[in-house]
Amino acid sequence: MLFIIISIFIALYGVLHYYVYKKIIIVVPFGHWSIIIILGCLIFTPFLVALLTNAGYTALATPLAWVGYSWMGVVFLFFSFSVVLDFYSLITKAGGRLLGVQVSALMLPSPYYSVFMATVLTFMATCYGFFAARQINVEWIHIPTSKLDRMFDSFRIVQISDLHLGLLSDEMRLRRLIETIRSVQPDVVVSTGDL
């Protein structure tokens, strides 16, 4: 079963990279084999990181994890923005043909422009994500209930989510998180995903 899941992941991740490759060669029309080799290595980097980590080579796995996992985020964002821009172009062209209207003013000037826009949006989203992921957000939600036992005046639950602890975890960030949790004096701490 694990083999099937990994095979499906590699196939989908490979298709995503093929799409990105087709975009890259619009802007960089030379060195296709170099691009293919680099993208191929990036596809398998997360698996190499897992193998190295399981074998105890964390010093080697950590820099590869920074490259591989960062690339996963960047390539997914670029793919997402590119698909939206391609869909916009497709709908605009199809709408123009169906309605018999000239839509050249609404079209993106060239494929280069589409790749440039996707790249800029990816860069902006990556920068935002990098800094946002380092923030610890505390949100208070009060739930009035009569179902608490009378011995409790209140019951405070701290929910944590999406910490993604692992090779790339920053010890200072983890300490800040623990201090933040302690400062709100919870009765229970619950992790609801991606610990």
N, C-alpha and C. Protein backbone atom coordinates (compact mmCIF):
# COMPACT_ATOMS: atom_id res chain seq x y z
N MET A 1 0.82 -1.20 0.00
CA MET A 1 0.00 0.00 0.00
C MET A 1 0.87 1.26 0.00
N LEU A 2 1.93 1.24 0.84
CA LEU A 2 2.84 2.38 0.90
C LEU A 2 3.48 2.62 -0.46
N PHE A 3 3.84 1.53 -1.15
CA PHE A 3 4.44 1.64 -2.48
C PHE A 3 3.49 2.34 -3.44
N ILE A 4 2.21 2.01 -3.37
CA ILE A 4 1.21 2.63 -4.26
C ILE A 4 1.09 4.12 -3.96
N ILE A 5 1.04 4.47 -2.68
CA ILE A 5 0.92 5.88 -2.28
C ILE A 5 2.14 6.67 -2.75
N ILE A 6 3.33 6.11 -2.53
CA ILE A 6 4.56 6.80 -2.97
C ILE A 6 4.59 6.92 -4.48
N SER A 7 4.17 5.88 -5.19
CA SER A 7 4.15 5.92 -6.66
C SER A 7 3.20 6.99 -7.17
N ILE A 8 2.03 7.09 -6.56
CA ILE A 8 1.06 8.12 -6.96
C ILE A 8 1.62 9.51 -6.69
N PHE A 9 2.25 9.68 -5.51
CA PHE A 9 2.85 10.97 -5.17
C PHE A 9 3.93 11.36 -6.18
N ILE A 10 4.82 10.42 -6.49
CA ILE A 10 5.90 10.71 -7.45
C ILE A 10 5.33 11.04 -8.81
N ALA A 11 4.29 10.32 -9.24
CA ALA A 11 3.67 10.59 -10.54
C ALA A 11 3.06 11.99 -10.57
N LEU A 12 2.30 12.35 -9.55
CA LEU A 12 1.68 13.68 -9.51
C LEU A 12 2.72 14.78 -9.39
N TYR A 13 3.71 14.55 -8.53
CA TYR A 13 4.78 15.53 -8.34
C TYR A 13 5.60 15.67 -9.63
N GLY A 14 5.77 14.55 -10.34
CA GLY A 14 6.48 14.58 -11.62
C GLY A 14 5.71 15.36 -12.68
N VAL A 15 4.39 15.15 -12.75
CA VAL A 15 3.55 15.90 -13.70
C VAL A 15 3.61 17.39 -13.40
N LEU A 16 3.55 17.74 -12.12
CA LEU A 16 3.67 19.14 -11.72
C LEU A 16 5.00 19.72 -12.20
N HIS A 17 6.08 18.96 -12.05
CA HIS A 17 7.39 19.43 -12.49
C HIS A 17 7.47 19.52 -14.02
N TYR A 18 6.81 18.61 -14.71
CA TYR A 18 6.80 18.69 -16.17
C TYR A 18 6.13 19.99 -16.62
N TYR A 19 5.03 20.32 -15.97
CA TYR A 19 4.31 21.57 -16.29
C TYR A 19 5.23 22.77 -16.04
N VAL A 20 5.93 22.76 -14.91
CA VAL A 20 6.85 23.85 -14.58
C VAL A 20 8.00 23.89 -15.59
N TYR A 21 8.49 22.72 -15.98
CA TYR A 21 9.56 22.65 -16.99
C TYR A 21 9.10 23.31 -18.29
N LYS A 22 7.87 23.01 -18.72
CA LYS A 22 7.36 23.62 -19.96
C LYS A 22 7.28 25.14 -19.83
N LYS A 23 7.03 25.63 -18.63
CA LYS A 23 7.01 27.08 -18.40
C LYS A 23 8.42 27.66 -18.42
N ILE A 24 9.36 26.96 -17.78
CA ILE A 24 10.74 27.46 -17.69
C ILE A 24 11.36 27.59 -19.07
N ILE A 25 11.12 26.60 -19.95
CA ILE A 25 11.78 26.65 -21.26
C ILE A 25 11.22 27.76 -22.15
N ILE A 26 10.08 28.34 -21.77
CA ILE A 26 9.59 29.52 -22.50
C ILE A 26 10.55 30.68 -22.28
N VAL A 27 11.03 30.80 -21.05
CA VAL A 27 11.90 31.92 -20.68
C VAL A 27 13.37 31.58 -20.89
N VAL A 28 13.73 30.33 -20.63
CA VAL A 28 15.13 29.89 -20.77
C VAL A 28 15.17 28.83 -21.86
N PRO A 29 15.34 29.25 -23.12
CA PRO A 29 15.25 28.29 -24.23
C PRO A 29 16.52 27.46 -24.47
N PHE A 30 17.45 27.46 -23.54
CA PHE A 30 18.68 26.68 -23.70
C PHE A 30 18.92 25.87 -22.43
N GLY A 31 19.80 24.89 -22.52
CA GLY A 31 20.15 24.07 -21.36
C GLY A 31 19.02 23.18 -20.87
N HIS A 32 18.24 22.65 -21.81
CA HIS A 32 17.08 21.84 -21.41
C HIS A 32 17.48 20.65 -20.56
N TRP A 33 18.58 19.98 -20.92
CA TRP A 33 18.99 18.81 -20.15
C TRP A 33 19.42 19.19 -18.74
N SER A 34 20.05 20.33 -18.59
CA SER A 34 20.43 20.79 -17.25
C SER A 34 19.19 21.03 -16.41
N ILE A 35 18.18 21.65 -17.01
CA ILE A 35 16.93 21.92 -16.29
C ILE A 35 16.25 20.61 -15.91
N ILE A 36 16.23 19.65 -16.84
CA ILE A 36 15.61 18.34 -16.56
C ILE A 36 16.32 17.64 -15.41
N ILE A 37 17.65 17.66 -15.42
CA ILE A 37 18.42 16.99 -14.37
C ILE A 37 18.18 17.66 -13.01
N ILE A 38 18.19 18.99 -12.99
CA ILE A 38 17.96 19.72 -11.73
C ILE A 38 16.56 19.43 -11.20
N LEU A 39 15.56 19.51 -12.06
CA LEU A 39 14.18 19.23 -11.62
C LEU A 39 14.04 17.78 -11.16
N GLY A 40 14.69 16.86 -11.88
CA GLY A 40 14.65 15.46 -11.47
C GLY A 40 15.24 15.25 -10.08
N CYS A 41 16.37 15.90 -9.82
CA CYS A 41 16.98 15.80 -8.48
C CYS A 41 16.05 16.39 -7.42
N LEU A 42 15.43 17.51 -7.74
CA LEU A 42 14.53 18.16 -6.77
C LEU A 42 13.30 17.30 -6.48
N ILE A 43 12.83 16.54 -7.47
CA ILE A 43 11.69 15.65 -7.26
C ILE A 43 12.01 14.62 -6.18
N PHE A 44 13.22 14.07 -6.23
CA PHE A 44 13.57 12.97 -5.32
C PHE A 44 14.25 13.43 -4.03
N THR A 45 14.50 14.73 -3.88
CA THR A 45 15.16 15.23 -2.67
C THR A 45 14.40 14.88 -1.39
N PRO A 46 13.06 15.05 -1.33
CA PRO A 46 12.37 14.69 -0.07
C PRO A 46 12.55 13.22 0.32
N PHE A 47 12.61 12.34 -0.66
CA PHE A 47 12.81 10.92 -0.37
C PHE A 47 14.24 10.66 0.11
N LEU A 48 15.20 11.36 -0.49
CA LEU A 48 16.59 11.24 -0.05
C LEU A 48 16.73 11.75 1.38
N VAL A 49 16.04 12.84 1.69
CA VAL A 49 16.06 13.39 3.06
C VAL A 49 15.53 12.35 4.05
N ALA A 50 14.43 11.70 3.70
CA ALA A 50 13.84 10.68 4.58
C ALA A 50 14.81 9.51 4.78
N LEU A 51 15.45 9.06 3.70
CA LEU A 51 16.40 7.95 3.81
C LEU A 51 17.60 8.33 4.68
N LEU A 52 18.15 9.53 4.46
CA LEU A 52 19.30 9.97 5.24
C LEU A 52 18.94 10.16 6.71
N THR A 53 17.76 10.70 6.97
CA THR A 53 17.31 10.91 8.35
C THR A 53 17.14 9.57 9.06
N ASN A 54 16.50 8.62 8.39
CA ASN A 54 16.29 7.29 8.99
C ASN A 54 17.61 6.56 9.23
N ALA A 55 18.61 6.85 8.40
CA ALA A 55 19.92 6.22 8.56
C ALA A 55 20.79 6.95 9.60
N GLY A 56 20.28 8.08 10.11
CA GLY A 56 21.01 8.81 11.15
C GLY A 56 21.94 9.89 10.63
N TYR A 57 21.88 10.19 9.34
CA TYR A 57 22.76 11.22 8.76
C TYR A 57 22.05 12.58 8.73
N THR A 58 21.67 13.07 9.91
CA THR A 58 20.90 14.31 9.96
C THR A 58 21.71 15.53 9.52
N ALA A 59 23.03 15.50 9.74
CA ALA A 59 23.86 16.63 9.33
C ALA A 59 23.83 16.80 7.81
N LEU A 60 23.74 15.71 7.09
CA LEU A 60 23.64 15.76 5.63
C LEU A 60 22.20 16.00 5.19
N ALA A 61 21.26 15.45 5.94
CA ALA A 61 19.84 15.57 5.57
C ALA A 61 19.31 16.98 5.76
N THR A 62 19.81 17.72 6.75
CA THR A 62 19.26 19.04 7.06
C THR A 62 19.39 20.03 5.91
N PRO A 63 20.59 20.23 5.32
CA PRO A 63 20.65 21.18 4.20
C PRO A 63 19.83 20.71 2.99
N LEU A 64 19.79 19.40 2.77
CA LEU A 64 18.97 18.87 1.68
C LEU A 64 17.49 19.11 1.96
N ALA A 65 17.10 19.02 3.23
CA ALA A 65 15.71 19.28 3.61
C ALA A 65 15.35 20.74 3.34
N TRP A 66 16.26 21.66 3.66
CA TRP A 66 16.00 23.08 3.37
C TRP A 66 15.76 23.28 1.88
N VAL A 67 16.60 22.66 1.07
CA VAL A 67 16.46 22.81 -0.39
C VAL A 67 15.19 22.11 -0.88
N GLY A 68 15.03 20.84 -0.52
CA GLY A 68 13.92 20.04 -1.03
C GLY A 68 12.56 20.52 -0.58
N TYR A 69 12.42 20.81 0.71
CA TYR A 69 11.12 21.23 1.23
C TYR A 69 10.78 22.65 0.80
N SER A 70 11.79 23.51 0.75
CA SER A 70 11.55 24.87 0.25
C SER A 70 11.11 24.81 -1.21
N TRP A 71 11.78 23.97 -1.98
CA TRP A 71 11.42 23.82 -3.39
C TRP A 71 9.99 23.30 -3.53
N MET A 72 9.59 22.36 -2.68
CA MET A 72 8.22 21.84 -2.75
C MET A 72 7.21 22.97 -2.62
N GLY A 73 7.46 23.87 -1.68
CA GLY A 73 6.56 25.01 -1.51
C GLY A 73 6.58 25.94 -2.69
N VAL A 74 7.79 26.27 -3.16
CA VAL A 74 7.94 27.20 -4.28
C VAL A 74 7.31 26.63 -5.54
N VAL A 75 7.58 25.37 -5.85
CA VAL A 75 7.07 24.79 -7.09
C VAL A 75 5.55 24.67 -7.05
N PHE A 76 5.00 24.36 -5.87
CA PHE A 76 3.54 24.28 -5.76
C PHE A 76 2.91 25.65 -5.96
N LEU A 77 3.49 26.68 -5.36
CA LEU A 77 2.96 28.04 -5.55
C LEU A 77 3.06 28.47 -7.01
N PHE A 78 4.23 28.24 -7.63
CA PHE A 78 4.41 28.62 -9.03
C PHE A 78 3.40 27.89 -9.92
N PHE A 79 3.24 26.61 -9.68
CA PHE A 79 2.27 25.81 -10.42
C PHE A 79 0.87 26.38 -10.26
N SER A 80 0.49 26.68 -9.02
CA SER A 80 -0.86 27.19 -8.74
C SER A 80 -1.11 28.52 -9.45
N PHE A 81 -0.17 29.45 -9.33
CA PHE A 81 -0.33 30.75 -9.99
C PHE A 81 -0.34 30.60 -11.51
N SER A 82 0.51 29.72 -12.03
CA SER A 82 0.56 29.51 -13.48
C SER A 82 -0.74 28.91 -14.01
N VAL A 83 -1.30 27.96 -13.28
CA VAL A 83 -2.56 27.34 -13.70
C VAL A 83 -3.67 28.39 -13.73
N VAL A 84 -3.72 29.25 -12.71
CA VAL A 84 -4.73 30.31 -12.68
C VAL A 84 -4.56 31.24 -13.88
N LEU A 85 -3.33 31.63 -14.18
CA LEU A 85 -3.08 32.52 -15.32
C LEU A 85 -3.40 31.83 -16.65
N ASP A 86 -3.05 30.55 -16.76
CA ASP A 86 -3.38 29.80 -17.98
C ASP A 86 -4.89 29.66 -18.14
N PHE A 87 -5.58 29.41 -17.04
CA PHE A 87 -7.04 29.29 -17.07
C PHE A 87 -7.67 30.62 -17.48
N TYR A 88 -7.13 31.71 -16.96
CA TYR A 88 -7.62 33.04 -17.34
C TYR A 88 -7.46 33.25 -18.86
N SER A 89 -6.29 32.91 -19.38
CA SER A 89 -6.04 33.05 -20.83
C SER A 89 -7.00 32.18 -21.64
N LEU A 90 -7.19 30.94 -21.19
CA LEU A 90 -8.08 30.02 -21.89
C LEU A 90 -9.52 30.53 -21.90
N ILE A 91 -10.01 30.97 -20.75
CA ILE A 91 -11.38 31.48 -20.65
C ILE A 91 -11.54 32.75 -21.49
N THR A 92 -10.54 33.61 -21.45
CA THR A 92 -10.61 34.85 -22.23
C THR A 92 -10.68 34.55 -23.73
N LYS A 93 -9.80 33.65 -24.19
CA LYS A 93 -9.81 33.28 -25.62
C LYS A 93 -11.14 32.63 -26.01
N ALA A 94 -11.56 31.65 -25.20
CA ALA A 94 -12.81 30.93 -25.50
C ALA A 94 -14.00 31.88 -25.47
N GLY A 95 -14.04 32.77 -24.48
CA GLY A 95 -15.13 33.74 -24.39
C GLY A 95 -15.16 34.67 -25.58
N GLY A 96 -13.98 35.11 -26.02
CA GLY A 96 -13.89 35.98 -27.19
C GLY A 96 -14.39 35.30 -28.45
N ARG A 97 -14.02 34.03 -28.62
CA ARG A 97 -14.47 33.28 -29.81
C ARG A 97 -15.97 33.03 -29.77
N LEU A 98 -16.47 32.63 -28.60
CA LEU A 98 -17.91 32.36 -28.47
C LEU A 98 -18.75 33.61 -28.71
N LEU A 99 -18.29 34.72 -28.18
CA LEU A 99 -19.06 35.96 -28.29
C LEU A 99 -18.72 36.75 -29.55
N GLY A 100 -17.68 36.31 -30.26
CA GLY A 100 -17.25 37.03 -31.46
C GLY A 100 -16.72 38.42 -31.14
N VAL A 101 -16.03 38.52 -30.00
CA VAL A 101 -15.53 39.80 -29.52
C VAL A 101 -14.01 39.79 -29.56
N GLN A 102 -13.42 40.92 -29.85
CA GLN A 102 -11.96 41.06 -29.82
C GLN A 102 -11.52 41.19 -28.36
N VAL A 103 -10.70 40.25 -27.89
CA VAL A 103 -10.31 40.23 -26.48
C VAL A 103 -8.81 40.45 -26.28
N SER A 104 -8.12 40.89 -27.31
CA SER A 104 -6.66 41.03 -27.20
C SER A 104 -6.25 41.99 -26.08
N ALA A 105 -7.08 42.98 -25.77
CA ALA A 105 -6.75 43.92 -24.70
C ALA A 105 -6.82 43.24 -23.33
N LEU A 106 -7.60 42.16 -23.22
CA LEU A 106 -7.73 41.44 -21.95
C LEU A 106 -6.70 40.32 -21.80
N MET A 107 -6.04 39.96 -22.90
CA MET A 107 -5.09 38.85 -22.88
C MET A 107 -3.77 39.28 -22.26
N LEU A 108 -3.06 38.30 -21.70
CA LEU A 108 -1.70 38.57 -21.24
C LEU A 108 -0.85 38.77 -22.48
N PRO A 109 0.04 39.78 -22.47
CA PRO A 109 0.78 40.14 -23.68
C PRO A 109 1.57 39.00 -24.32
N SER A 110 2.15 38.11 -23.51
CA SER A 110 2.94 37.00 -24.07
C SER A 110 3.10 35.92 -23.00
N PRO A 111 3.53 34.73 -23.42
CA PRO A 111 3.81 33.68 -22.43
C PRO A 111 4.88 34.10 -21.42
N TYR A 112 5.83 34.93 -21.86
CA TYR A 112 6.86 35.44 -20.95
C TYR A 112 6.23 36.19 -19.79
N TYR A 113 5.23 36.99 -20.12
CA TYR A 113 4.54 37.80 -19.11
C TYR A 113 3.86 36.91 -18.08
N SER A 114 3.24 35.85 -18.54
CA SER A 114 2.57 34.90 -17.65
C SER A 114 3.58 34.27 -16.69
N VAL A 115 4.72 33.83 -17.22
CA VAL A 115 5.76 33.22 -16.39
C VAL A 115 6.32 34.25 -15.41
N PHE A 116 6.52 35.48 -15.88
CA PHE A 116 7.03 36.55 -15.02
C PHE A 116 6.05 36.82 -13.88
N MET A 117 4.76 36.94 -14.21
CA MET A 117 3.75 37.20 -13.17
C MET A 117 3.71 36.07 -12.15
N ALA A 118 3.73 34.83 -12.63
CA ALA A 118 3.70 33.68 -11.72
C ALA A 118 4.93 33.67 -10.82
N THR A 119 6.09 34.05 -11.39
CA THR A 119 7.33 34.09 -10.61
C THR A 119 7.26 35.16 -9.53
N VAL A 120 6.79 36.35 -9.89
CA VAL A 120 6.69 37.44 -8.91
C VAL A 120 5.71 37.07 -7.80
N LEU A 121 4.55 36.53 -8.17
CA LEU A 121 3.55 36.13 -7.17
C LEU A 121 4.10 35.02 -6.27
N THR A 122 4.84 34.10 -6.85
CA THR A 122 5.46 33.02 -6.07
C THR A 122 6.46 33.58 -5.08
N PHE A 123 7.29 34.51 -5.54
CA PHE A 123 8.28 35.13 -4.66
C PHE A 123 7.60 35.84 -3.49
N MET A 124 6.56 36.61 -3.79
CA MET A 124 5.84 37.35 -2.75
C MET A 124 5.18 36.40 -1.75
N ALA A 125 4.53 35.36 -2.26
CA ALA A 125 3.86 34.40 -1.38
C ALA A 125 4.86 33.62 -0.53
N THR A 126 6.01 33.29 -1.11
CA THR A 126 7.05 32.57 -0.38
C THR A 126 7.61 33.42 0.76
N CYS A 127 7.88 34.69 0.47
CA CYS A 127 8.38 35.60 1.52
C CYS A 127 7.36 35.74 2.63
N TYR A 128 6.10 35.94 2.26
CA TYR A 128 5.04 36.05 3.26
C TYR A 128 4.95 34.77 4.09
N GLY A 129 4.96 33.63 3.41
CA GLY A 129 4.85 32.35 4.10
C GLY A 129 6.00 32.10 5.06
N PHE A 130 7.21 32.49 4.65
CA PHE A 130 8.38 32.28 5.50
C PHE A 130 8.23 33.03 6.82
N PHE A 131 7.82 34.30 6.73
CA PHE A 131 7.69 35.10 7.95
C PHE A 131 6.43 34.74 8.74
N ALA A 132 5.35 34.44 8.05
CA ALA A 132 4.10 34.08 8.74
C ALA A 132 4.25 32.77 9.50
N ALA A 133 5.01 31.83 8.93
CA ALA A 133 5.20 30.53 9.57
C ALA A 133 6.00 30.65 10.87
N ARG A 134 6.77 31.71 11.00
CA ARG A 134 7.59 31.90 12.19
C ARG A 134 6.82 32.60 13.32
N GLN A 135 5.62 33.06 13.02
CA GLN A 135 4.80 33.75 14.02
C GLN A 135 4.00 32.72 14.83
N ILE A 136 3.83 33.02 16.09
CA ILE A 136 2.96 32.20 16.94
C ILE A 136 1.70 33.02 17.17
N ASN A 137 0.60 32.52 16.65
CA ASN A 137 -0.67 33.24 16.76
C ASN A 137 -1.52 32.63 17.86
N VAL A 138 -1.97 33.48 18.76
CA VAL A 138 -2.86 33.04 19.84
C VAL A 138 -4.23 33.63 19.56
N GLU A 139 -5.21 32.77 19.48
CA GLU A 139 -6.58 33.22 19.26
C GLU A 139 -7.44 32.65 20.39
N TRP A 140 -8.19 33.52 21.01
CA TRP A 140 -9.04 33.11 22.13
C TRP A 140 -10.46 32.89 21.64
N ILE A 141 -11.02 31.75 21.99
CA ILE A 141 -12.42 31.46 21.67
C ILE A 141 -13.10 31.04 22.98
N HIS A 142 -14.11 31.79 23.37
CA HIS A 142 -14.86 31.48 24.59
C HIS A 142 -16.12 30.72 24.22
N ILE A 143 -16.31 29.57 24.84
CA ILE A 143 -17.50 28.75 24.57
C ILE A 143 -18.28 28.61 25.87
N PRO A 144 -19.36 29.36 26.02
CA PRO A 144 -20.17 29.21 27.23
C PRO A 144 -20.89 27.86 27.21
N THR A 145 -20.86 27.17 28.34
CA THR A 145 -21.54 25.88 28.42
C THR A 145 -22.00 25.61 29.85
N SER A 146 -23.08 24.90 29.95
CA SER A 146 -23.57 24.49 31.27
C SER A 146 -23.20 23.02 31.53
N LYS A 147 -22.45 22.43 30.62
CA LYS A 147 -22.13 21.00 30.71
C LYS A 147 -20.87 20.72 31.54
N LEU A 148 -20.17 21.76 31.95
CA LEU A 148 -18.99 21.55 32.79
C LEU A 148 -19.42 21.13 34.19
N ASP A 149 -18.65 20.24 34.76
CA ASP A 149 -18.90 19.85 36.14
C ASP A 149 -18.79 21.08 37.04
N ARG A 150 -19.54 21.12 38.12
CA ARG A 150 -19.57 22.30 38.99
C ARG A 150 -18.24 22.57 39.67
N MET A 151 -17.39 21.55 39.75
CA MET A 151 -16.09 21.76 40.38
C MET A 151 -15.16 22.62 39.52
N PHE A 152 -15.53 22.80 38.23
CA PHE A 152 -14.73 23.64 37.34
C PHE A 152 -15.38 25.00 37.19
N ASP A 153 -14.60 26.03 37.45
CA ASP A 153 -15.08 27.38 37.17
C ASP A 153 -14.97 27.63 35.66
N SER A 154 -13.89 27.11 35.09
CA SER A 154 -13.68 27.17 33.64
C SER A 154 -12.74 26.03 33.28
N PHE A 155 -12.62 25.78 32.00
CA PHE A 155 -11.74 24.72 31.52
C PHE A 155 -11.04 25.25 30.27
N ARG A 156 -9.73 25.41 30.35
CA ARG A 156 -8.98 26.03 29.26
C ARG A 156 -8.26 24.97 28.44
N ILE A 157 -8.58 24.94 27.14
CA ILE A 157 -7.95 24.01 26.20
C ILE A 157 -7.07 24.82 25.26
N VAL A 158 -5.82 24.40 25.13
CA VAL A 158 -4.93 25.00 24.14
C VAL A 158 -4.81 24.02 22.98
N GLN A 159 -5.17 24.49 21.81
CA GLN A 159 -5.06 23.67 20.60
C GLN A 159 -3.85 24.16 19.81
N ILE A 160 -2.96 23.24 19.47
CA ILE A 160 -1.83 23.58 18.62
C ILE A 160 -1.97 22.81 17.31
N SER A 161 -1.49 23.43 16.23
CA SER A 161 -1.65 22.80 14.92
C SER A 161 -0.55 23.27 13.98
N ASP A 162 -0.21 22.43 13.03
CA ASP A 162 0.71 22.77 11.94
C ASP A 162 2.08 23.24 12.42
N LEU A 163 2.65 22.53 13.38
CA LEU A 163 3.99 22.89 13.86
C LEU A 163 5.08 22.35 12.94
N HIS A 164 4.85 21.21 12.33
CA HIS A 164 5.81 20.58 11.42
C HIS A 164 7.19 20.46 12.06
N LEU A 165 7.23 19.87 13.24
CA LEU A 165 8.50 19.68 13.92
C LEU A 165 9.32 18.63 13.18
N GLY A 166 10.61 18.87 13.08
CA GLY A 166 11.47 17.94 12.37
C GLY A 166 12.84 18.54 12.16
N LEU A 167 13.46 18.15 11.07
CA LEU A 167 14.82 18.61 10.77
C LEU A 167 14.94 20.13 10.73
N LEU A 168 13.93 20.79 10.22
CA LEU A 168 14.01 22.23 10.02
C LEU A 168 13.46 23.03 11.20
N SER A 169 13.15 22.36 12.29
CA SER A 169 12.60 23.06 13.45
C SER A 169 13.66 23.91 14.11
N ASP A 170 13.24 25.10 14.48
CA ASP A 170 14.12 26.04 15.15
C ASP A 170 13.88 25.90 16.66
N GLU A 171 14.94 25.62 17.40
CA GLU A 171 14.79 25.40 18.84
C GLU A 171 14.26 26.64 19.55
N MET A 172 14.68 27.82 19.11
CA MET A 172 14.19 29.06 19.73
C MET A 172 12.69 29.22 19.50
N ARG A 173 12.22 28.88 18.31
CA ARG A 173 10.79 28.98 18.01
C ARG A 173 10.01 28.00 18.89
N LEU A 174 10.55 26.82 19.06
CA LEU A 174 9.90 25.82 19.90
C LEU A 174 9.83 26.29 21.35
N ARG A 175 10.90 26.91 21.84
CA ARG A 175 10.90 27.45 23.21
C ARG A 175 9.87 28.56 23.35
N ARG A 176 9.78 29.43 22.34
CA ARG A 176 8.77 30.51 22.37
C ARG A 176 7.37 29.92 22.41
N LEU A 177 7.16 28.85 21.65
CA LEU A 177 5.86 28.19 21.64
C LEU A 177 5.52 27.62 23.02
N ILE A 178 6.48 26.95 23.63
CA ILE A 178 6.26 26.36 24.96
C ILE A 178 5.97 27.46 25.98
N GLU A 179 6.72 28.55 25.91
CA GLU A 179 6.48 29.68 26.83
C GLU A 179 5.09 30.27 26.61
N THR A 180 4.68 30.39 25.36
CA THR A 180 3.35 30.92 25.05
C THR A 180 2.26 30.01 25.60
N ILE A 181 2.43 28.71 25.43
CA ILE A 181 1.45 27.74 25.95
C ILE A 181 1.38 27.83 27.47
N ARG A 182 2.54 27.87 28.12
CA ARG A 182 2.55 27.95 29.59
C ARG A 182 1.91 29.25 30.09
N SER A 183 2.11 30.33 29.33
CA SER A 183 1.60 31.63 29.78
C SER A 183 0.08 31.70 29.83
N VAL A 184 -0.60 30.88 29.01
CA VAL A 184 -2.07 30.90 29.03
C VAL A 184 -2.65 29.89 30.02
N GLN A 185 -1.78 29.17 30.70
CA GLN A 185 -2.17 28.23 31.77
C GLN A 185 -3.30 27.28 31.36
N PRO A 186 -3.02 26.40 30.41
CA PRO A 186 -4.07 25.49 29.95
C PRO A 186 -4.33 24.35 30.93
N ASP A 187 -5.55 23.84 30.87
CA ASP A 187 -5.88 22.61 31.59
C ASP A 187 -5.51 21.40 30.74
N VAL A 188 -5.63 21.56 29.43
CA VAL A 188 -5.31 20.49 28.47
C VAL A 188 -4.66 21.12 27.25
N VAL A 189 -3.67 20.43 26.67
CA VAL A 189 -3.07 20.83 25.40
C VAL A 189 -3.43 19.76 24.38
N VAL A 190 -3.96 20.19 23.24
CA VAL A 190 -4.40 19.26 22.20
C VAL A 190 -3.69 19.61 20.90
N SER A 191 -3.07 18.62 20.28
CA SER A 191 -2.47 18.81 18.96
C SER A 191 -3.40 18.20 17.92
N THR A 192 -3.84 19.03 16.97
CA THR A 192 -4.86 18.57 16.02
C THR A 192 -4.33 18.37 14.61
N GLY A 193 -3.04 18.34 14.44
CA GLY A 193 -2.53 18.01 13.11
C GLY A 193 -1.15 18.55 12.82
N ASP A 194 -0.40 17.80 12.04
CA ASP A 194 0.93 18.19 11.57
C ASP A 194 1.85 18.62 12.69
N LEU A 195 1.98 17.77 13.68
CA LEU A 195 2.89 18.06 14.79
C LEU A 195 4.33 17.87 14.34
